[in-house]
C-alpha atoms as a PDB file:
ATOM      1  CA  MET A   1      27.211  23.806  10.358  1.00  0.00           C
ATOM      2  CA  THR A   2      24.261  25.625  11.445  1.00  0.00           C
ATOM      3  CA  ASN A   3      22.715  24.358  15.025  1.00  0.00           C
ATOM      4  CA  GLU A   4      19.660  22.655  13.103  1.00  0.00           C
ATOM      5  CA  GLU A   5      21.722  20.921  10.872  1.00  0.00           C
ATOM      6  CA  ILE A   6      23.486  18.851  13.487  1.00  0.00           C
ATOM      7  CA  LYS A   7      20.314  18.665  15.009  1.00  0.00           C
ATOM      8  CA  ALA A   8      19.050  17.115  11.933  1.00  0.00           C
ATOM      9  CA  PHE A   9      22.338  15.070  11.301  1.00  0.00           C
ATOM     10  CA  GLU A  10      22.434  13.234  14.847  1.00  0.00           C
ATOM     11  CA  VAL A  11      18.576  12.259  14.370  1.00  0.00           C
ATOM     12  CA  MET A  12      19.401  10.830  11.474  1.00  0.00           C
ATOM     13  CA  LEU A  13      22.498   9.418  13.144  1.00  0.00           C
ATOM     14  CA  ASP A  14      20.505   7.618  15.914  1.00  0.00           C
ATOM     15  CA  ALA A  15      18.067   6.329  13.105  1.00  0.00           C
ATOM     16  CA  TRP A  16      20.992   4.885  11.148  1.00  0.00           C
ATOM     17  CA  ASP A  17      22.408   3.310  14.690  1.00  0.00           C
ATOM     18  CA  THR A  18      18.734   1.616  15.246  1.00  0.00           C
ATOM     19  CA  LYS A  19      18.763   0.319  11.946  1.00  0.00           C
ATOM     20  CA  LYS A  20      21.725  -0.805  13.043  1.00  0.00           C
ATOM     21  CA  SER A  21      20.932  -2.458  15.892  1.00  0.00           C
ATOM     22  CA  GLN A  22      17.692  -4.031  14.466  1.00  0.00           C
ATOM     23  CA  ILE A  23      19.558  -5.723  12.209  1.00  0.00           C
ATOM     24  CA  ARG A  24      22.302  -7.480  13.937  1.00  0.00           C
ATOM     25  CA  ASP A  25      19.109  -8.246  16.223  1.00  0.00           C
ATOM     26  CA  VAL A  26      17.510 -10.104  13.514  1.00  0.00           C
ATOM     27  CA  ILE A  27      20.724 -11.659  12.227  1.00  0.00           C
ATOM     28  CA  TYR A  28      21.735 -12.834  15.849  1.00  0.00           C
ATOM     29  CA  ALA A  29      17.315 -14.347  16.303  1.00  0.00           C
ATOM     30  CA  MET A  30      18.303 -16.671  13.254  1.00  0.00           C
ATOM     31  CA  THR A  31      21.936 -18.382  13.527  1.00  0.00           C
ATOM     32  CA  ASP A  32      23.018 -20.743  16.402  1.00  0.00           C
ATOM     33  CA  PRO A  33      25.558 -19.557  19.332  1.00  0.00           C
ATOM     34  CA  SER A  34      28.005 -20.855  17.698  1.00  0.00           C
ATOM     35  CA  VAL A  35      28.010 -18.865  14.519  1.00  0.00           C
ATOM     36  CA  GLN A  36      27.092 -15.598  16.592  1.00  0.00           C
ATOM     37  CA  LEU A  37      30.491 -15.880  18.473  1.00  0.00           C
ATOM     38  CA  ASP A  38      32.163 -15.618  15.029  1.00  0.00           C
ATOM     39  CA  ILE A  39      30.211 -12.739  13.412  1.00  0.00           C
ATOM     40  CA  LYS A  40      29.869 -10.545  16.767  1.00  0.00           C
ATOM     41  CA  ASN A  41      32.913  -8.734  15.974  1.00  0.00           C
ATOM     42  CA  GLU A  42      32.649  -7.744  12.233  1.00  0.00           C
ATOM     43  CA  PRO A  43      32.785  -3.657  12.482  1.00  0.00           C
ATOM     44  CA  THR A  44      29.704  -3.572   9.688  1.00  0.00           C
ATOM     45  CA  MET A  45      26.384  -5.524   9.096  1.00  0.00           C
ATOM     46  CA  HIS A  46      28.123  -5.748   5.721  1.00  0.00           C
ATOM     47  CA  ALA A  47      30.967  -7.576   6.837  1.00  0.00           C
ATOM     48  CA  MET A  48      28.689  -9.496   9.273  1.00  0.00           C
ATOM     49  CA  TRP A  49      26.547 -10.621   6.509  1.00  0.00           C
ATOM     50  CA  THR A  50      29.504 -11.420   4.315  1.00  0.00           C
ATOM     51  CA  LYS A  51      31.019 -13.756   7.326  1.00  0.00           C
ATOM     52  CA  LEU A  52      27.680 -15.232   7.806  1.00  0.00           C
ATOM     53  CA  CYS A  53      27.285 -16.203   3.747  1.00  0.00           C
ATOM     54  CA  SER A  54      30.982 -17.469   4.308  1.00  0.00           C
ATOM     55  CA  THR A  55      30.452 -19.671   7.529  1.00  0.00           C
ATOM     56  CA  TYR A  56      27.051 -21.395   6.330  1.00  0.00           C
ATOM     57  CA  GLU A  57      28.910 -22.173   2.887  1.00  0.00           C
ATOM     58  CA  LEU A  58      31.153 -23.949   4.648  1.00  0.00           C
ATOM     59  CA  LEU A  59      28.754 -26.033   7.208  1.00  0.00           C
ATOM     60  CA  GLY A  60      27.154 -28.560   4.180  1.00  0.00           C
ATOM     61  CA  ASP A  61      24.360 -29.332   2.830  1.00  0.00           C
ATOM     62  CA  MET A  62      22.200 -29.963   6.595  1.00  0.00           C
ATOM     63  CA  ALA A  63      23.229 -26.461   8.276  1.00  0.00           C
ATOM     64  CA  VAL A  64      21.501 -25.243   4.714  1.00  0.00           C
ATOM     65  CA  SER A  65      18.506 -27.662   4.660  1.00  0.00           C
ATOM     66  CA  ASN A  66      17.674 -26.247   8.328  1.00  0.00           C
ATOM     67  CA  VAL A  67      18.095 -22.849   8.099  1.00  0.00           C
ATOM     68  CA  LEU A  68      16.097 -22.885   4.289  1.00  0.00           C
ATOM     69  CA  TYR A  69      13.591 -25.486   6.232  1.00  0.00           C
ATOM     70  CA  LYS A  70      12.921 -22.715   9.005  1.00  0.00           C
ATOM     71  CA  LEU A  71      12.383 -19.719   6.325  1.00  0.00           C
ATOM     72  CA  GLN A  72       9.868 -21.848   4.857  1.00  0.00           C
ATOM     73  CA  HIS A  73       7.779 -22.402   7.466  1.00  0.00           C
ATOM     74  CA  ALA A  74       7.674 -19.254   9.195  1.00  0.00           C
ATOM     75  CA  ARG A  75       4.363 -17.716   8.418  1.00  0.00           C
ATOM     76  CA  TRP A  76       3.285 -14.011   9.473  1.00  0.00           C
ATOM     77  CA  THR A  77      -0.187 -14.817  10.304  1.00  0.00           C
ATOM     78  CA  ASN A  78      -1.173 -11.895  12.951  1.00  0.00           C
ATOM     79  CA  GLY A  79       0.541  -9.706  15.734  1.00  0.00           C
ATOM     80  CA  LYS A  80       3.552  -7.417  15.250  1.00  0.00           C
ATOM     81  CA  LEU A  81       5.812  -7.948  12.068  1.00  0.00           C
ATOM     82  CA  CYS A  82       8.926  -7.163  13.891  1.00  0.00           C
ATOM     83  CA  ASP A  83       8.234  -9.662  16.391  1.00  0.00           C
ATOM     84  CA  HIS A  84       7.576 -12.618  13.311  1.00  0.00           C
ATOM     85  CA  ILE A  85      10.941 -11.656  12.149  1.00  0.00           C
ATOM     86  CA  TYR A  86      12.439 -11.773  15.744  1.00  0.00           C
ATOM     87  CA  ASN A  87      10.729 -15.239  16.057  1.00  0.00           C
ATOM     88  CA  MET A  88      11.894 -16.626  12.858  1.00  0.00           C
END
């Protein structure tokens, strides 16, 4: 690889890591601390999401209703969309 290709790859890798961190932040903002402990050691976002889904599937109807209520009543009216997502 040439130096330019290496630099381009490093830029893309940094963008990838940033996106992974943003996804992790959104998932942590939407979950309870006890659930966060269960999913924090998953190696990939896919594995984290799969574990999160299986956790909520086992919690029962009240937990699912609570999450659905939070999502249903979250409205983005003004400000930055990222801030809204973190507050959901």
